[in-house]
Amino acid sequence: MVTVHKLKTLDTYFDAVKAGTKTFEIRLNDRAFQTGDVLELIRWTHTSLGMCEDTGHKVVRKRITYLLQGGQFGIEPQYCILGLGEVDTTHDQ
């Protein structure tokens, strides 16, 4: 069973993932991420009040292809780095 994680992503990082120039995410690992899971990145932006707001429900789906747990290489123990790949929708029904 594939787990889908819906995550707010600031517009700068969202746009880079969508363009394919950012192929990783650094996240607090409070969801027990696993390779094979799918991320639904939802585009958010800062307002003039410093708050975040949804910017039209723009979503990018990526599969976790690699998981580097924190506690090594200078990464805080509770964080992880997620390698991102394309989602094969034929297997995610």
PDB file of N, CA and C in Angstrom:
ATOM      1  N   MET A   1       0.848  -1.189   0.000  1.00  0.00           N
ATOM      2  CA  MET A   1       0.000   0.000   0.000  1.00  0.00           C
ATOM      3  C   MET A   1       0.888   1.246   0.000  1.00  0.00           C
ATOM      4  N   VAL A   2       0.642   2.133  -0.898  1.00  0.00           N
ATOM      5  CA  VAL A   2       1.404   3.373  -1.010  1.00  0.00           C
ATOM      6  C   VAL A   2       0.768   4.438  -0.118  1.00  0.00           C
ATOM      7  N   THR A   3       1.593   5.100   0.688  1.00  0.00           N
ATOM      8  CA  THR A   3       1.116   6.215   1.500  1.00  0.00           C
ATOM      9  C   THR A   3       1.317   7.504   0.721  1.00  0.00           C
ATOM     10  N   VAL A   4       0.301   8.358   0.711  1.00  0.00           N
ATOM     11  CA  VAL A   4       0.383   9.665   0.064  1.00  0.00           C
ATOM     12  C   VAL A   4       0.458  10.715   1.168  1.00  0.00           C
ATOM     13  N   HIS A   5       1.509  11.544   1.115  1.00  0.00           N
ATOM     14  CA  HIS A   5       1.719  12.606   2.094  1.00  0.00           C
ATOM     15  C   HIS A   5       1.431  13.945   1.434  1.00  0.00           C
ATOM     16  N   LYS A   6       0.459  14.686   1.952  1.00  0.00           N
ATOM     17  CA  LYS A   6       0.134  16.019   1.433  1.00  0.00           C
ATOM     18  C   LYS A   6       0.928  17.039   2.235  1.00  0.00           C
ATOM     19  N   LEU A   7       1.798  17.796   1.540  1.00  0.00           N
ATOM     20  CA  LEU A   7       2.718  18.710   2.217  1.00  0.00           C
ATOM     21  C   LEU A   7       2.652  20.113   1.620  1.00  0.00           C
ATOM     22  N   LYS A   8       2.545  21.112   2.484  1.00  0.00           N
ATOM     23  CA  LYS A   8       2.639  22.504   2.053  1.00  0.00           C
ATOM     24  C   LYS A   8       4.080  22.774   1.637  1.00  0.00           C
ATOM     25  N   THR A   9       4.248  23.482   0.522  1.00  0.00           N
ATOM     26  CA  THR A   9       5.582  23.784   0.007  1.00  0.00           C
ATOM     27  C   THR A   9       5.616  25.231  -0.458  1.00  0.00           C
ATOM     28  N   LEU A  10       6.570  25.997   0.055  1.00  0.00           N
ATOM     29  CA  LEU A  10       6.681  27.403  -0.355  1.00  0.00           C
ATOM     30  C   LEU A  10       6.930  27.504  -1.854  1.00  0.00           C
ATOM     31  N   ASP A  11       6.373  28.551  -2.449  1.00  0.00           N
ATOM     32  CA  ASP A  11       6.350  28.700  -3.903  1.00  0.00           C
ATOM     33  C   ASP A  11       7.708  28.551  -4.580  1.00  0.00           C
ATOM     34  N   THR A  12       8.767  29.117  -4.011  1.00  0.00           N
ATOM     35  CA  THR A  12      10.102  29.037  -4.605  1.00  0.00           C
ATOM     36  C   THR A  12      10.535  27.588  -4.755  1.00  0.00           C
ATOM     37  N   TYR A  13      10.347  26.791  -3.715  1.00  0.00           N
ATOM     38  CA  TYR A  13      10.754  25.385  -3.736  1.00  0.00           C
ATOM     39  C   TYR A  13       9.809  24.550  -4.599  1.00  0.00           C
ATOM     40  N   PHE A  14       8.511  24.847  -4.525  1.00  0.00           N
ATOM     41  CA  PHE A  14       7.526  24.156  -5.349  1.00  0.00           C
ATOM     42  C   PHE A  14       7.854  24.330  -6.829  1.00  0.00           C
ATOM     43  N   ASP A  15       8.119  25.580  -7.234  1.00  0.00           N
ATOM     44  CA  ASP A  15       8.411  25.858  -8.644  1.00  0.00           C
ATOM     45  C   ASP A  15       9.660  25.123  -9.116  1.00  0.00           C
ATOM     46  N   ALA A  16      10.678  25.015  -8.240  1.00  0.00           N
ATOM     47  CA  ALA A  16      11.907  24.312  -8.604  1.00  0.00           C
ATOM     48  C   ALA A  16      11.663  22.806  -8.744  1.00  0.00           C
ATOM     49  N   VAL A  17      10.843  22.233  -7.875  1.00  0.00           N
ATOM     50  CA  VAL A  17      10.501  20.811  -8.004  1.00  0.00           C
ATOM     51  C   VAL A  17       9.726  20.598  -9.297  1.00  0.00           C
ATOM     52  N   LYS A  18       8.751  21.454  -9.554  1.00  0.00           N
ATOM     53  CA  LYS A  18       7.939  21.328 -10.765  1.00  0.00           C
ATOM     54  C   LYS A  18       8.795  21.434 -12.025  1.00  0.00           C
ATOM     55  N   ALA A  19       9.792  22.322 -12.011  1.00  0.00           N
ATOM     56  CA  ALA A  19      10.675  22.505 -13.167  1.00  0.00           C
ATOM     57  C   ALA A  19      11.701  21.379 -13.299  1.00  0.00           C
ATOM     58  N   GLY A  20      11.865  20.588 -12.240  1.00  0.00           N
ATOM     59  CA  GLY A  20      12.815  19.484 -12.279  1.00  0.00           C
ATOM     60  C   GLY A  20      14.219  19.842 -11.844  1.00  0.00           C
ATOM     61  N   THR A  21      14.436  21.075 -11.367  1.00  0.00           N
ATOM     62  CA  THR A  21      15.773  21.478 -10.928  1.00  0.00           C
ATOM     63  C   THR A  21      16.033  21.136  -9.470  1.00  0.00           C
ATOM     64  N   LYS A  22      14.979  20.887  -8.707  1.00  0.00           N
ATOM     65  CA  LYS A  22      15.116  20.463  -7.300  1.00  0.00           C
ATOM     66  C   LYS A  22      14.548  19.049  -7.213  1.00  0.00           C
ATOM     67  N   THR A  23      15.410  18.086  -6.931  1.00  0.00           N
ATOM     68  CA  THR A  23      15.011  16.687  -6.952  1.00  0.00           C
ATOM     69  C   THR A  23      15.029  16.060  -5.553  1.00  0.00           C
ATOM     70  N   PHE A  24      14.876  16.894  -4.534  1.00  0.00           N
ATOM     71  CA  PHE A  24      14.906  16.416  -3.152  1.00  0.00           C
ATOM     72  C   PHE A  24      14.043  17.319  -2.283  1.00  0.00           C
ATOM     73  N   GLU A  25      13.681  16.806  -1.118  1.00  0.00           N
ATOM     74  CA  GLU A  25      12.995  17.588  -0.094  1.00  0.00           C
ATOM     75  C   GLU A  25      13.706  17.332   1.227  1.00  0.00           C
ATOM     76  N   ILE A  26      13.826  18.346   2.051  1.00  0.00           N
ATOM     77  CA  ILE A  26      14.327  18.198   3.412  1.00  0.00           C
ATOM     78  C   ILE A  26      13.131  18.448   4.321  1.00  0.00           C
ATOM     79  N   ARG A  27      12.805  17.461   5.133  1.00  0.00           N
ATOM     80  CA  ARG A  27      11.585  17.543   5.937  1.00  0.00           C
ATOM     81  C   ARG A  27      11.799  16.994   7.334  1.00  0.00           C
ATOM     82  N   LEU A  28      11.007  17.508   8.267  1.00  0.00           N
ATOM     83  CA  LEU A  28      10.889  16.901   9.577  1.00  0.00           C
ATOM     84  C   LEU A  28      10.269  15.525   9.342  1.00  0.00           C
ATOM     85  N   ASN A  29      10.898  14.489   9.862  1.00  0.00           N
ATOM     86  CA  ASN A  29      10.377  13.141   9.620  1.00  0.00           C
ATOM     87  C   ASN A  29       9.371  12.763  10.706  1.00  0.00           C
ATOM     88  N   ASP A  30       8.246  13.452  10.671  1.00  0.00           N
ATOM     89  CA  ASP A  30       7.174  13.203  11.633  1.00  0.00           C
ATOM     90  C   ASP A  30       6.064  12.356  11.028  1.00  0.00           C
ATOM     91  N   ARG A  31       6.316  11.780   9.858  1.00  0.00           N
ATOM     92  CA  ARG A  31       5.305  10.992   9.148  1.00  0.00           C
ATOM     93  C   ARG A  31       5.778   9.591   8.797  1.00  0.00           C
ATOM     94  N   ALA A  32       6.945   9.206   9.271  1.00  0.00           N
ATOM     95  CA  ALA A  32       7.503   7.889   8.951  1.00  0.00           C
ATOM     96  C   ALA A  32       7.586   7.684   7.442  1.00  0.00           C
ATOM     97  N   PHE A  33       8.193   8.643   6.741  1.00  0.00           N
ATOM     98  CA  PHE A  33       8.366   8.542   5.294  1.00  0.00           C
ATOM     99  C   PHE A  33       9.076   7.238   4.939  1.00  0.00           C
ATOM    100  N   GLN A  34       8.706   6.653   3.808  1.00  0.00           N
ATOM    101  CA  GLN A  34       9.324   5.434   3.298  1.00  0.00           C
ATOM    102  C   GLN A  34       9.567   5.574   1.800  1.00  0.00           C
ATOM    103  N   THR A  35      10.597   4.896   1.298  1.00  0.00           N
ATOM    104  CA  THR A  35      10.776   4.881  -0.152  1.00  0.00           C
ATOM    105  C   THR A  35       9.538   4.235  -0.768  1.00  0.00           C
ATOM    106  N   GLY A  36       9.123   4.763  -1.903  1.00  0.00           N
ATOM    107  CA  GLY A  36       7.906   4.301  -2.569  1.00  0.00           C
ATOM    108  C   GLY A  36       6.695   5.145  -2.250  1.00  0.00           C
ATOM    109  N   ASP A  37       6.705   5.848  -1.110  1.00  0.00           N
ATOM    110  CA  ASP A  37       5.593   6.748  -0.780  1.00  0.00           C
ATOM    111  C   ASP A  37       5.516   7.874  -1.800  1.00  0.00           C
ATOM    112  N   VAL A  38       4.349   8.509  -1.881  1.00  0.00           N
ATOM    113  CA  VAL A  38       4.127   9.619  -2.802  1.00  0.00           C
ATOM    114  C   VAL A  38       3.951  10.910  -2.000  1.00  0.00           C
ATOM    115  N   LEU A  39       4.597  11.970  -2.471  1.00  0.00           N
ATOM    116  CA  LEU A  39       4.401  13.303  -1.901  1.00  0.00           C
ATOM    117  C   LEU A  39       3.488  14.090  -2.814  1.00  0.00           C
ATOM    118  N   GLU A  40       2.469  14.698  -2.262  1.00  0.00           N
ATOM    119  CA  GLU A  40       1.651  15.683  -2.976  1.00  0.00           C
ATOM    120  C   GLU A  40       2.062  17.033  -2.419  1.00  0.00           C
ATOM    121  N   LEU A  41       2.887  17.722  -3.174  1.00  0.00           N
ATOM    122  CA  LEU A  41       3.382  19.034  -2.755  1.00  0.00           C
ATOM    123  C   LEU A  41       2.381  20.090  -3.191  1.00  0.00           C
ATOM    124  N   ILE A  42       1.920  20.879  -2.250  1.00  0.00           N
ATOM    125  CA  ILE A  42       0.901  21.899  -2.499  1.00  0.00           C
ATOM    126  C   ILE A  42       1.564  23.265  -2.399  1.00  0.00           C
ATOM    127  N   ARG A  43       1.402  24.081  -3.431  1.00  0.00           N
ATOM    128  CA  ARG A  43       2.084  25.380  -3.531  1.00  0.00           C
ATOM    129  C   ARG A  43       1.474  26.402  -2.576  1.00  0.00           C
ATOM    130  N   TRP A  44       2.335  26.972  -1.734  1.00  0.00           N
ATOM    131  CA  TRP A  44       1.947  28.029  -0.807  1.00  0.00           C
ATOM    132  C   TRP A  44       2.890  29.208  -0.994  1.00  0.00           C
ATOM    133  N   THR A  45       2.447  30.383  -0.574  1.00  0.00           N
ATOM    134  CA  THR A  45       3.274  31.580  -0.688  1.00  0.00           C
ATOM    135  C   THR A  45       3.101  32.451   0.551  1.00  0.00           C
ATOM    136  N   HIS A  46       4.067  33.336   0.784  1.00  0.00           N
ATOM    137  CA  HIS A  46       3.956  34.289   1.892  1.00  0.00           C
ATOM    138  C   HIS A  46       3.092  35.471   1.468  1.00  0.00           C
ATOM    139  N   THR A  47       2.278  35.962   2.394  1.00  0.00           N
ATOM    140  CA  THR A  47       1.509  37.169   2.151  1.00  0.00           C
ATOM    141  C   THR A  47       2.268  38.349   2.743  1.00  0.00           C
ATOM    142  N   SER A  48       1.761  39.543   2.539  1.00  0.00           N
ATOM    143  CA  SER A  48       2.386  40.737   3.117  1.00  0.00           C
ATOM    144  C   SER A  48       2.345  40.712   4.647  1.00  0.00           C
ATOM    145  N   LEU A  49       1.474  39.891   5.220  1.00  0.00           N
ATOM    146  CA  LEU A  49       1.369  39.764   6.670  1.00  0.00           C
ATOM    147  C   LEU A  49       2.326  38.706   7.220  1.00  0.00           C
ATOM    148  N   GLY A  50       3.073  38.083   6.326  1.00  0.00           N
ATOM    149  CA  GLY A  50       4.019  37.066   6.744  1.00  0.00           C
ATOM    150  C   GLY A  50       3.402  35.688   6.932  1.00  0.00           C
ATOM    151  N   MET A  51       2.139  35.545   6.592  1.00  0.00           N
ATOM    152  CA  MET A  51       1.453  34.269   6.717  1.00  0.00           C
ATOM    153  C   MET A  51       1.511  33.546   5.382  1.00  0.00           C
ATOM    154  N   CYS A  52       1.232  32.251   5.395  1.00  0.00           N
ATOM    155  CA  CYS A  52       1.185  31.489   4.153  1.00  0.00           C
ATOM    156  C   CYS A  52      -0.270  31.317   3.730  1.00  0.00           C
ATOM    157  N   GLU A  53      -0.488  31.302   2.445  1.00  0.00           N
ATOM    158  CA  GLU A  53      -1.835  31.036   1.943  1.00  0.00           C
ATOM    159  C   GLU A  53      -1.739  30.156   0.718  1.00  0.00           C
ATOM    160  N   ASP A  54      -2.776  29.382   0.495  1.00  0.00           N
ATOM    161  CA  ASP A  54      -2.843  28.509  -0.666  1.00  0.00           C
ATOM    162  C   ASP A  54      -2.908  29.365  -1.923  1.00  0.00           C
ATOM    163  N   THR A  55      -2.179  29.003  -2.956  1.00  0.00           N
ATOM    164  CA  THR A  55      -2.148  29.806  -4.181  1.00  0.00           C
ATOM    165  C   THR A  55      -2.786  29.044  -5.334  1.00  0.00           C
ATOM    166  N   GLY A  56      -4.020  28.640  -5.161  1.00  0.00           N
ATOM    167  CA  GLY A  56      -4.750  28.035  -6.268  1.00  0.00           C
ATOM    168  C   GLY A  56      -4.677  26.522  -6.340  1.00  0.00           C
ATOM    169  N   HIS A  57      -4.349  25.872  -5.258  1.00  0.00           N
ATOM    170  CA  HIS A  57      -4.325  24.412  -5.200  1.00  0.00           C
ATOM    171  C   HIS A  57      -3.446  23.783  -6.276  1.00  0.00           C
ATOM    172  N   LYS A  58      -2.319  24.404  -6.574  1.00  0.00           N
ATOM    173  CA  LYS A  58      -1.379  23.802  -7.507  1.00  0.00           C
ATOM    174  C   LYS A  58      -0.666  22.666  -6.790  1.00  0.00           C
ATOM    175  N   VAL A  59      -0.625  21.500  -7.411  1.00  0.00           N
ATOM    176  CA  VAL A  59      -0.063  20.306  -6.784  1.00  0.00           C
ATOM    177  C   VAL A  59       0.911  19.625  -7.736  1.00  0.00           C
ATOM    178  N   VAL A  60       2.027  19.137  -7.178  1.00  0.00           N
ATOM    179  CA  VAL A  60       2.976  18.299  -7.904  1.00  0.00           C
ATOM    180  C   VAL A  60       3.087  17.000  -7.127  1.00  0.00           C
ATOM    181  N   ARG A  61       3.003  15.878  -7.830  1.00  0.00           N
ATOM    182  CA  ARG A  61       3.153  14.560  -7.202  1.00  0.00           C
ATOM    183  C   ARG A  61       4.523  13.992  -7.539  1.00  0.00           C
ATOM    184  N   LYS A  62       5.231  13.534  -6.497  1.00  0.00           N
ATOM    185  CA  LYS A  62       6.552  12.924  -6.665  1.00  0.00           C
ATOM    186  C   LYS A  62       6.639  11.688  -5.781  1.00  0.00           C
ATOM    187  N   ARG A  63       7.406  10.707  -6.242  1.00  0.00           N
ATOM    188  CA  ARG A  63       7.638   9.499  -5.460  1.00  0.00           C
ATOM    189  C   ARG A  63       8.946   9.626  -4.685  1.00  0.00           C
ATOM    190  N   ILE A  64       8.971   9.123  -3.463  1.00  0.00           N
ATOM    191  CA  ILE A  64      10.210   9.079  -2.686  1.00  0.00           C
ATOM    192  C   ILE A  64      11.048   7.917  -3.215  1.00  0.00           C
ATOM    193  N   THR A  65      12.203   8.250  -3.788  1.00  0.00           N
ATOM    194  CA  THR A  65      13.080   7.231  -4.351  1.00  0.00           C
ATOM    195  C   THR A  65      14.259   6.920  -3.440  1.00  0.00           C
ATOM    196  N   TYR A  66      14.540   7.815  -2.488  1.00  0.00           N
ATOM    197  CA  TYR A  66      15.663   7.624  -1.570  1.00  0.00           C
ATOM    198  C   TYR A  66      15.355   8.360  -0.280  1.00  0.00           C
ATOM    199  N   LEU A  67      15.775   7.783   0.832  1.00  0.00           N
ATOM    200  CA  LEU A  67      15.531   8.376   2.142  1.00  0.00           C
ATOM    201  C   LEU A  67      16.834   8.379   2.927  1.00  0.00           C
ATOM    202  N   LEU A  68      17.320   9.575   3.272  1.00  0.00           N
ATOM    203  CA  LEU A  68      18.517   9.721   4.099  1.00  0.00           C
ATOM    204  C   LEU A  68      18.072  10.238   5.457  1.00  0.00           C
ATOM    205  N   GLN A  69      18.160   9.382   6.475  1.00  0.00           N
ATOM    206  CA  GLN A  69      17.740   9.753   7.820  1.00  0.00           C
ATOM    207  C   GLN A  69      18.729  10.730   8.431  1.00  0.00           C
ATOM    208  N   GLY A  70      18.220  11.611   9.290  1.00  0.00           N
ATOM    209  CA  GLY A  70      19.067  12.549  10.004  1.00  0.00           C
ATOM    210  C   GLY A  70      19.918  11.842  11.050  1.00  0.00           C
ATOM    211  N   GLY A  71      20.711  12.661  11.748  1.00  0.00           N
ATOM    212  CA  GLY A  71      21.618  12.113  12.738  1.00  0.00           C
ATOM    213  C   GLY A  71      22.978  11.774  12.146  1.00  0.00           C
ATOM    214  N   GLN A  72      23.181  12.167  10.900  1.00  0.00           N
ATOM    215  CA  GLN A  72      24.455  11.942  10.211  1.00  0.00           C
ATOM    216  C   GLN A  72      24.670  13.056   9.191  1.00  0.00           C
ATOM    217  N   PHE A  73      25.904  13.261   8.814  1.00  0.00           N
ATOM    218  CA  PHE A  73      26.271  14.248   7.795  1.00  0.00           C
ATOM    219  C   PHE A  73      25.763  15.655   8.107  1.00  0.00           C
ATOM    220  N   GLY A  74      25.624  15.984   9.384  1.00  0.00           N
ATOM    221  CA  GLY A  74      25.189  17.318   9.778  1.00  0.00           C
ATOM    222  C   GLY A  74      23.682  17.542   9.716  1.00  0.00           C
ATOM    223  N   ILE A  75      22.933  16.510   9.438  1.00  0.00           N
ATOM    224  CA  ILE A  75      21.472  16.611   9.383  1.00  0.00           C
ATOM    225  C   ILE A  75      20.928  16.352  10.787  1.00  0.00           C
ATOM    226  N   GLU A  76      20.074  17.243  11.268  1.00  0.00           N
ATOM    227  CA  GLU A  76      19.472  17.075  12.589  1.00  0.00           C
ATOM    228  C   GLU A  76      18.758  15.713  12.672  1.00  0.00           C
ATOM    229  N   PRO A  77      18.823  15.050  13.819  1.00  0.00           N
ATOM    230  CA  PRO A  77      18.267  13.697  13.949  1.00  0.00           C
ATOM    231  C   PRO A  77      16.798  13.555  13.562  1.00  0.00           C
ATOM    232  N   GLN A  78      15.993  14.555  13.810  1.00  0.00           N
ATOM    233  CA  GLN A  78      14.556  14.420  13.530  1.00  0.00           C
ATOM    234  C   GLN A  78      14.181  14.758  12.078  1.00  0.00           C
ATOM    235  N   TYR A  79      15.161  15.130  11.262  1.00  0.00           N
ATOM    236  CA  TYR A  79      14.913  15.482   9.859  1.00  0.00           C
ATOM    237  C   TYR A  79      15.390  14.380   8.926  1.00  0.00           C
ATOM    238  N   CYS A  80      14.975  14.479   7.665  1.00  0.00           N
ATOM    239  CA  CYS A  80      15.438  13.548   6.646  1.00  0.00           C
ATOM    240  C   CYS A  80      15.505  14.270   5.306  1.00  0.00           C
ATOM    241  N   ILE A  81      16.265  13.687   4.395  1.00  0.00           N
ATOM    242  CA  ILE A  81      16.329  14.173   3.016  1.00  0.00           C
ATOM    243  C   ILE A  81      15.665  13.112   2.152  1.00  0.00           C
ATOM    244  N   LEU A  82      14.723  13.554   1.332  1.00  0.00           N
ATOM    245  CA  LEU A  82      13.962  12.655   0.471  1.00  0.00           C
ATOM    246  C   LEU A  82      14.361  12.875  -0.983  1.00  0.00           C
ATOM    247  N   GLY A  83      14.854  11.844  -1.646  1.00  0.00           N
ATOM    248  CA  GLY A  83      15.105  11.911  -3.081  1.00  0.00           C
ATOM    249  C   GLY A  83      13.782  11.755  -3.807  1.00  0.00           C
ATOM    250  N   LEU A  84      13.545  12.572  -4.830  1.00  0.00           N
ATOM    251  CA  LEU A  84      12.263  12.591  -5.529  1.00  0.00           C
ATOM    252  C   LEU A  84      12.383  12.068  -6.952  1.00  0.00           C
ATOM    253  N   GLY A  85      11.417  11.268  -7.358  1.00  0.00           N
ATOM    254  CA  GLY A  85      11.326  10.770  -8.721  1.00  0.00           C
ATOM    255  C   GLY A  85       9.910  10.910  -9.225  1.00  0.00           C
ATOM    256  N   GLU A  86       9.709  10.456 -10.434  1.00  0.00           N
ATOM    257  CA  GLU A  86       8.375  10.536 -11.043  1.00  0.00           C
ATOM    258  C   GLU A  86       7.439   9.480 -10.466  1.00  0.00           C
ATOM    259  N   VAL A  87       6.158   9.766 -10.522  1.00  0.00           N
ATOM    260  CA  VAL A  87       5.126   8.846 -10.040  1.00  0.00           C
ATOM    261  C   VAL A  87       4.608   8.051 -11.224  1.00  0.00           C
ATOM    262  N   ASP A  88       4.638   6.728 -11.108  1.00  0.00           N
ATOM    263  CA  ASP A  88       4.032   5.847 -12.122  1.00  0.00           C
ATOM    264  C   ASP A  88       2.612   5.597 -11.687  1.00  0.00           C
ATOM    265  N   THR A  89       1.666   6.314 -12.269  1.00  0.00           N
ATOM    266  CA  THR A  89       0.268   6.262 -11.819  1.00  0.00           C
ATOM    267  C   THR A  89      -0.402   4.931 -12.100  1.00  0.00           C
ATOM    268  N   THR A  90       0.183   4.090 -12.947  1.00  0.00           N
ATOM    269  CA  THR A  90      -0.453   2.804 -13.231  1.00  0.00           C
ATOM    270  C   THR A  90      -0.404   1.866 -12.033  1.00  0.00           C
ATOM    271  N   HIS A  91       0.526   2.122 -11.075  1.00  0.00           N
ATOM    272  CA  HIS A  91       0.657   1.269  -9.901  1.00  0.00           C
ATOM    273  C   HIS A  91       0.088   1.914  -8.638  1.00  0.00           C
ATOM    274  N   ASP A  92      -0.513   3.083  -8.729  1.00  0.00           N
ATOM    275  CA  ASP A  92      -0.988   3.811  -7.544  1.00  0.00           C
ATOM    276  C   ASP A  92      -2.503   3.915  -7.516  1.00  0.00           C
ATOM    277  N   GLN A  93      -3.169   2.854  -7.725  1.00  0.00           N
ATOM    278  CA  GLN A  93      -4.635   2.902  -7.730  1.00  0.00           C
ATOM    279  C   GLN A  93      -5.196   2.546  -6.393  1.00  0.00           C
TER     280      GLN A  93
END
